[in-house]
């Protein structure tokens, strides 16, 4: 299956889910809110850590590329 067909299938699925959902009334207790906040902080921290691992390599690569252009 190529990417265009997969993207169309994914888009259609998301559209159907968003159009045919029913109203739900739910209570999010403080424990759930705390868990969501912890997940959000962990994702942001992980992205920052991954970026810091490759930052030096990226700057060296771009500096070498810039020198070659001149």
PDB file of N, CA and C in Angstrom:
ATOM      1  N   UNK A   1       0.862  -1.174   0.000  1.00  0.00           N
ATOM      2  CA  UNK A   1       0.000   0.000   0.000  1.00  0.00           C
ATOM      3  C   UNK A   1       0.907   1.236   0.000  1.00  0.00           C
ATOM      4  N   UNK A   2       0.685   2.124  -0.936  1.00  0.00           N
ATOM      5  CA  UNK A   2       1.532   3.313  -0.983  1.00  0.00           C
ATOM      6  C   UNK A   2       1.044   4.359   0.014  1.00  0.00           C
ATOM      7  N   UNK A   3       1.851   5.409   0.171  1.00  0.00           N
ATOM      8  CA  UNK A   3       1.579   6.404   1.208  1.00  0.00           C
ATOM      9  C   UNK A   3       0.332   7.235   0.932  1.00  0.00           C
ATOM     10  N   UNK A   4       0.018   7.494  -0.335  1.00  0.00           N
ATOM     11  CA  UNK A   4      -1.184   8.274  -0.640  1.00  0.00           C
ATOM     12  C   UNK A   4      -2.441   7.526  -0.204  1.00  0.00           C
ATOM     13  N   UNK A   5      -2.505   6.242  -0.506  1.00  0.00           N
ATOM     14  CA  UNK A   5      -3.671   5.448  -0.110  1.00  0.00           C
ATOM     15  C   UNK A   5      -3.757   5.338   1.409  1.00  0.00           C
ATOM     16  N   UNK A   6      -2.607   5.157   2.051  1.00  0.00           N
ATOM     17  CA  UNK A   6      -2.588   5.065   3.506  1.00  0.00           C
ATOM     18  C   UNK A   6      -3.029   6.381   4.134  1.00  0.00           C
ATOM     19  N   UNK A   7      -2.572   7.501   3.580  1.00  0.00           N
ATOM     20  CA  UNK A   7      -2.962   8.816   4.090  1.00  0.00           C
ATOM     21  C   UNK A   7      -4.460   9.046   3.902  1.00  0.00           C
ATOM     22  N   UNK A   8      -4.994   8.668   2.735  1.00  0.00           N
ATOM     23  CA  UNK A   8      -6.428   8.823   2.488  1.00  0.00           C
ATOM     24  C   UNK A   8      -7.244   7.967   3.454  1.00  0.00           C
ATOM     25  N   UNK A   9      -6.804   6.744   3.688  1.00  0.00           N
ATOM     26  CA  UNK A   9      -7.496   5.858   4.618  1.00  0.00           C
ATOM     27  C   UNK A   9      -7.457   6.425   6.036  1.00  0.00           C
ATOM     28  N   UNK A  10      -6.312   6.919   6.452  1.00  0.00           N
ATOM     29  CA  UNK A  10      -6.165   7.517   7.779  1.00  0.00           C
ATOM     30  C   UNK A  10      -7.044   8.753   7.909  1.00  0.00           C
ATOM     31  N   UNK A  11      -7.054   9.602   6.881  1.00  0.00           N
ATOM     32  CA  UNK A  11      -7.877  10.812   6.909  1.00  0.00           C
ATOM     33  C   UNK A  11      -9.360  10.470   6.969  1.00  0.00           C
ATOM     34  N   UNK A  12      -9.778   9.495   6.188  1.00  0.00           N
ATOM     35  CA  UNK A  12     -11.175   9.069   6.191  1.00  0.00           C
ATOM     36  C   UNK A  12     -11.570   8.497   7.550  1.00  0.00           C
ATOM     37  N   UNK A  13     -10.688   7.728   8.138  1.00  0.00           N
ATOM     38  CA  UNK A  13     -10.959   7.167   9.463  1.00  0.00           C
ATOM     39  C   UNK A  13     -11.112   8.268  10.501  1.00  0.00           C
ATOM     40  N   UNK A  14     -10.208   9.249  10.493  1.00  0.00           N
ATOM     41  CA  UNK A  14     -10.307  10.369  11.431  1.00  0.00           C
ATOM     42  C   UNK A  14     -11.583  11.167  11.214  1.00  0.00           C
ATOM     43  N   UNK A  15     -11.947  11.369   9.961  1.00  0.00           N
ATOM     44  CA  UNK A  15     -13.171  12.100   9.651  1.00  0.00           C
ATOM     45  C   UNK A  15     -14.391  11.359  10.184  1.00  0.00           C
ATOM     46  N   UNK A  16     -14.454  10.058   9.952  1.00  0.00           N
ATOM     47  CA  UNK A  16     -15.590   9.267  10.439  1.00  0.00           C
ATOM     48  C   UNK A  16     -15.661   9.272  11.962  1.00  0.00           C
ATOM     49  N   UNK A  17     -14.524   9.166  12.603  1.00  0.00           N
ATOM     50  CA  UNK A  17     -14.517   9.178  14.070  1.00  0.00           C
ATOM     51  C   UNK A  17     -14.995  10.514  14.597  1.00  0.00           C
ATOM     52  N   UNK A  18     -14.548  11.602  13.971  1.00  0.00           N
ATOM     53  CA  UNK A  18     -14.932  12.927  14.474  1.00  0.00           C
ATOM     54  C   UNK A  18     -16.379  13.280  14.136  1.00  0.00           C
ATOM     55  N   UNK A  19     -16.915  12.779  13.034  1.00  0.00           N
ATOM     56  CA  UNK A  19     -18.280  13.113  12.635  1.00  0.00           C
ATOM     57  C   UNK A  19     -19.306  12.276  13.395  1.00  0.00           C
ATOM     58  N   UNK A  20     -19.026  11.012  13.602  1.00  0.00           N
ATOM     59  CA  UNK A  20     -20.015  10.111  14.174  1.00  0.00           C
ATOM     60  C   UNK A  20     -19.858   9.876  15.675  1.00  0.00           C
ATOM     61  N   UNK A  21     -19.169  10.759  16.363  1.00  0.00           N
ATOM     62  CA  UNK A  21     -19.043  10.594  17.811  1.00  0.00           C
ATOM     63  C   UNK A  21     -20.285  11.117  18.511  1.00  0.00           C
ATOM     64  N   UNK A  22     -20.557  10.553  19.652  1.00  0.00           N
ATOM     65  CA  UNK A  22     -21.692  10.991  20.448  1.00  0.00           C
ATOM     66  C   UNK A  22     -21.185  11.827  21.613  1.00  0.00           C
ATOM     67  N   UNK A  23     -22.060  12.656  22.127  1.00  0.00           N
ATOM     68  CA  UNK A  23     -21.700  13.502  23.252  1.00  0.00           C
ATOM     69  C   UNK A  23     -21.464  12.626  24.483  1.00  0.00           C
ATOM     70  N   UNK A  24     -20.372  12.894  25.165  1.00  0.00           N
ATOM     71  CA  UNK A  24     -20.056  12.146  26.377  1.00  0.00           C
ATOM     72  C   UNK A  24     -19.786  13.125  27.504  1.00  0.00           C
ATOM     73  N   UNK A  25     -20.341  12.834  28.628  1.00  0.00           N
ATOM     74  CA  UNK A  25     -20.079  13.650  29.806  1.00  0.00           C
ATOM     75  C   UNK A  25     -19.221  12.816  30.744  1.00  0.00           C
ATOM     76  N   UNK A  26     -18.042  13.326  31.013  1.00  0.00           N
ATOM     77  CA  UNK A  26     -17.116  12.573  31.844  1.00  0.00           C
ATOM     78  C   UNK A  26     -16.457  13.501  32.850  1.00  0.00           C
ATOM     79  N   UNK A  27     -16.019  12.926  33.913  1.00  0.00           N
ATOM     80  CA  UNK A  27     -15.348  13.670  34.970  1.00  0.00           C
ATOM     81  C   UNK A  27     -13.883  13.266  34.972  1.00  0.00           C
ATOM     82  N   UNK A  28     -13.013  14.260  34.895  1.00  0.00           N
ATOM     83  CA  UNK A  28     -11.580  13.994  34.987  1.00  0.00           C
ATOM     84  C   UNK A  28     -11.157  14.367  36.402  1.00  0.00           C
ATOM     85  N   UNK A  29     -10.796  13.375  37.173  1.00  0.00           N
ATOM     86  CA  UNK A  29     -10.400  13.640  38.552  1.00  0.00           C
ATOM     87  C   UNK A  29      -8.980  14.216  38.598  1.00  0.00           C
ATOM     88  N   UNK A  30      -8.580  14.775  39.723  1.00  0.00           N
ATOM     89  CA  UNK A  30      -7.248  15.381  39.828  1.00  0.00           C
ATOM     90  C   UNK A  30      -6.110  14.410  39.528  1.00  0.00           C
ATOM     91  N   UNK A  31      -6.297  13.140  39.841  1.00  0.00           N
ATOM     92  CA  UNK A  31      -5.255  12.151  39.547  1.00  0.00           C
ATOM     93  C   UNK A  31      -5.024  12.007  38.054  1.00  0.00           C
ATOM     94  N   UNK A  32      -6.099  12.027  37.273  1.00  0.00           N
ATOM     95  CA  UNK A  32      -5.975  11.927  35.816  1.00  0.00           C
ATOM     96  C   UNK A  32      -5.322  13.174  35.245  1.00  0.00           C
ATOM     97  N   UNK A  33      -5.714  14.320  35.762  1.00  0.00           N
ATOM     98  CA  UNK A  33      -5.104  15.565  35.293  1.00  0.00           C
ATOM     99  C   UNK A  33      -3.624  15.601  35.595  1.00  0.00           C
ATOM    100  N   UNK A  34      -3.249  15.105  36.761  1.00  0.00           N
ATOM    101  CA  UNK A  34      -1.840  15.043  37.140  1.00  0.00           C
ATOM    102  C   UNK A  34      -1.073  14.101  36.220  1.00  0.00           C
ATOM    103  N   UNK A  35      -1.684  12.978  35.866  1.00  0.00           N
ATOM    104  CA  UNK A  35      -1.030  12.022  34.978  1.00  0.00           C
ATOM    105  C   UNK A  35      -0.832  12.623  33.585  1.00  0.00           C
ATOM    106  N   UNK A  36      -1.837  13.321  33.091  1.00  0.00           N
ATOM    107  CA  UNK A  36      -1.725  13.967  31.781  1.00  0.00           C
ATOM    108  C   UNK A  36      -0.611  15.008  31.801  1.00  0.00           C
ATOM    109  N   UNK A  37      -0.513  15.778  32.884  1.00  0.00           N
ATOM    110  CA  UNK A  37       0.538  16.782  33.008  1.00  0.00           C
ATOM    111  C   UNK A  37       1.919  16.123  33.055  1.00  0.00           C
ATOM    112  N   UNK A  38       2.053  15.010  33.755  1.00  0.00           N
ATOM    113  CA  UNK A  38       3.326  14.301  33.819  1.00  0.00           C
ATOM    114  C   UNK A  38       3.732  13.772  32.451  1.00  0.00           C
ATOM    115  N   UNK A  39       2.777  13.251  31.703  1.00  0.00           N
ATOM    116  CA  UNK A  39       3.076  12.761  30.356  1.00  0.00           C
ATOM    117  C   UNK A  39       3.532  13.911  29.472  1.00  0.00           C
ATOM    118  N   UNK A  40       2.853  15.039  29.552  1.00  0.00           N
ATOM    119  CA  UNK A  40       3.214  16.213  28.760  1.00  0.00           C
ATOM    120  C   UNK A  40       4.629  16.680  29.101  1.00  0.00           C
ATOM    121  N   UNK A  41       4.954  16.767  30.379  1.00  0.00           N
ATOM    122  CA  UNK A  41       6.293  17.194  30.799  1.00  0.00           C
ATOM    123  C   UNK A  41       7.347  16.184  30.349  1.00  0.00           C
ATOM    124  N   UNK A  42       7.040  14.894  30.430  1.00  0.00           N
ATOM    125  CA  UNK A  42       7.982  13.865  29.999  1.00  0.00           C
ATOM    126  C   UNK A  42       8.253  13.949  28.502  1.00  0.00           C
ATOM    127  N   UNK A  43       7.224  14.202  27.714  1.00  0.00           N
ATOM    128  CA  UNK A  43       7.405  14.323  26.259  1.00  0.00           C
ATOM    129  C   UNK A  43       8.273  15.533  25.934  1.00  0.00           C
ATOM    130  N   UNK A  44       7.993  16.672  26.567  1.00  0.00           N
ATOM    131  CA  UNK A  44       8.787  17.879  26.330  1.00  0.00           C
ATOM    132  C   UNK A  44      10.237  17.651  26.753  1.00  0.00           C
ATOM    133  N   UNK A  45      10.438  17.018  27.901  1.00  0.00           N
ATOM    134  CA  UNK A  45      11.793  16.724  28.371  1.00  0.00           C
ATOM    135  C   UNK A  45      12.528  15.777  27.446  1.00  0.00           C
ATOM    136  N   UNK A  46      11.840  14.776  26.943  1.00  0.00           N
ATOM    137  CA  UNK A  46      12.460  13.813  26.027  1.00  0.00           C
ATOM    138  C   UNK A  46      12.873  14.473  24.725  1.00  0.00           C
ATOM    139  N   UNK A  47      12.031  15.339  24.208  1.00  0.00           N
ATOM    140  CA  UNK A  47      12.367  16.061  22.979  1.00  0.00           C
ATOM    141  C   UNK A  47      13.576  16.960  23.215  1.00  0.00           C
ATOM    142  N   UNK A  48      13.604  17.642  24.353  1.00  0.00           N
ATOM    143  CA  UNK A  48      14.744  18.496  24.679  1.00  0.00           C
ATOM    144  C   UNK A  48      16.028  17.708  24.826  1.00  0.00           C
ATOM    145  N   UNK A  49      15.966  16.564  25.477  1.00  0.00           N
ATOM    146  CA  UNK A  49      17.147  15.725  25.654  1.00  0.00           C
ATOM    147  C   UNK A  49      17.643  15.189  24.315  1.00  0.00           C
ATOM    148  N   UNK A  50      16.739  14.726  23.473  1.00  0.00           N
ATOM    149  CA  UNK A  50      17.129  14.217  22.157  1.00  0.00           C
ATOM    150  C   UNK A  50      17.762  15.324  21.321  1.00  0.00           C
ATOM    151  N   UNK A  51      17.212  16.524  21.404  1.00  0.00           N
ATOM    152  CA  UNK A  51      17.782  17.649  20.657  1.00  0.00           C
ATOM    153  C   UNK A  51      19.172  17.990  21.177  1.00  0.00           C
ATOM    154  N   UNK A  52      19.374  17.920  22.488  1.00  0.00           N
ATOM    155  CA  UNK A  52      20.690  18.251  23.042  1.00  0.00           C
ATOM    156  C   UNK A  52      21.738  17.217  22.655  1.00  0.00           C
ATOM    157  N   UNK A  53      21.329  15.975  22.462  1.00  0.00           N
ATOM    158  CA  UNK A  53      22.280  14.946  22.050  1.00  0.00           C
ATOM    159  C   UNK A  53      22.842  15.219  20.657  1.00  0.00           C
ATOM    160  N   UNK A  54      22.011  15.709  19.779  1.00  0.00           N
ATOM    161  CA  UNK A  54      22.426  15.897  18.399  1.00  0.00           C
ATOM    162  C   UNK A  54      22.772  17.337  18.059  1.00  0.00           C
ATOM    163  N   UNK A  55      22.667  18.258  19.003  1.00  0.00           N
ATOM    164  CA  UNK A  55      22.896  19.673  18.725  1.00  0.00           C
ATOM    165  C   UNK A  55      24.327  19.932  18.255  1.00  0.00           C
ATOM    166  N   UNK A  56      25.317  19.381  18.947  1.00  0.00           N
ATOM    167  CA  UNK A  56      26.714  19.615  18.581  1.00  0.00           C
ATOM    168  C   UNK A  56      27.017  19.027  17.204  1.00  0.00           C
ATOM    169  N   UNK A  57      26.529  17.835  16.943  1.00  0.00           N
ATOM    170  CA  UNK A  57      26.745  17.212  15.633  1.00  0.00           C
ATOM    171  C   UNK A  57      26.111  18.046  14.525  1.00  0.00           C
ATOM    172  N   UNK A  58      24.922  18.557  14.785  1.00  0.00           N
ATOM    173  CA  UNK A  58      24.218  19.357  13.790  1.00  0.00           C
ATOM    174  C   UNK A  58      24.956  20.659  13.513  1.00  0.00           C
ATOM    175  N   UNK A  59      25.428  21.333  14.553  1.00  0.00           N
ATOM    176  CA  UNK A  59      26.135  22.604  14.344  1.00  0.00           C
ATOM    177  C   UNK A  59      27.454  22.383  13.614  1.00  0.00           C
ATOM    178  N   UNK A  60      28.169  21.305  13.927  1.00  0.00           N
ATOM    179  CA  UNK A  60      29.414  21.002  13.207  1.00  0.00           C
ATOM    180  C   UNK A  60      29.125  20.712  11.738  1.00  0.00           C
ATOM    181  N   UNK A  61      28.087  19.943  11.482  1.00  0.00           N
ATOM    182  CA  UNK A  61      27.723  19.604  10.108  1.00  0.00           C
ATOM    183  C   UNK A  61      27.374  20.852   9.307  1.00  0.00           C
ATOM    184  N   UNK A  62      26.587  21.742   9.899  1.00  0.00           N
ATOM    185  CA  UNK A  62      26.192  22.961   9.196  1.00  0.00           C
ATOM    186  C   UNK A  62      27.373  23.902   9.004  1.00  0.00           C
ATOM    187  N   UNK A  63      28.292  23.951   9.968  1.00  0.00           N
ATOM    188  CA  UNK A  63      29.478  24.797   9.830  1.00  0.00           C
ATOM    189  C   UNK A  63      30.362  24.294   8.694  1.00  0.00           C
ATOM    190  N   UNK A  64      30.535  22.987   8.595  1.00  0.00           N
ATOM    191  CA  UNK A  64      31.329  22.417   7.502  1.00  0.00           C
ATOM    192  C   UNK A  64      30.666  22.676   6.154  1.00  0.00           C
ATOM    193  N   UNK A  65      29.372  22.563   6.115  1.00  0.00           N
ATOM    194  CA  UNK A  65      28.638  22.796   4.870  1.00  0.00           C
ATOM    195  C   UNK A  65      28.754  24.257   4.449  1.00  0.00           C
ATOM    196  N   UNK A  66      28.725  25.158   5.423  1.00  0.00           N
ATOM    197  CA  UNK A  66      28.838  26.584   5.136  1.00  0.00           C
ATOM    198  C   UNK A  66      30.234  26.919   4.618  1.00  0.00           C
ATOM    199  N   UNK A  67      31.276  26.281   5.184  1.00  0.00           N
ATOM    200  CA  UNK A  67      32.650  26.509   4.735  1.00  0.00           C
ATOM    201  C   UNK A  67      32.835  26.024   3.297  1.00  0.00           C
ATOM    202  N   UNK A  68      32.210  24.909   2.957  1.00  0.00           N
ATOM    203  CA  UNK A  68      32.340  24.357   1.609  1.00  0.00           C
ATOM    204  C   UNK A  68      31.679  25.252   0.568  1.00  0.00           C
ATOM    205  N   UNK A  69      30.608  25.953   0.949  1.00  0.00           N
ATOM    206  CA  UNK A  69      29.928  26.843   0.007  1.00  0.00           C
ATOM    207  C   UNK A  69      30.793  28.044  -0.338  1.00  0.00           C
ATOM    208  N   UNK A  70      31.575  28.528   0.630  1.00  0.00           N
ATOM    209  CA  UNK A  70      32.420  29.707   0.397  1.00  0.00           C
ATOM    210  C   UNK A  70      33.598  29.312  -0.375  1.00  0.00           C
TER     211      UNK A  70
END
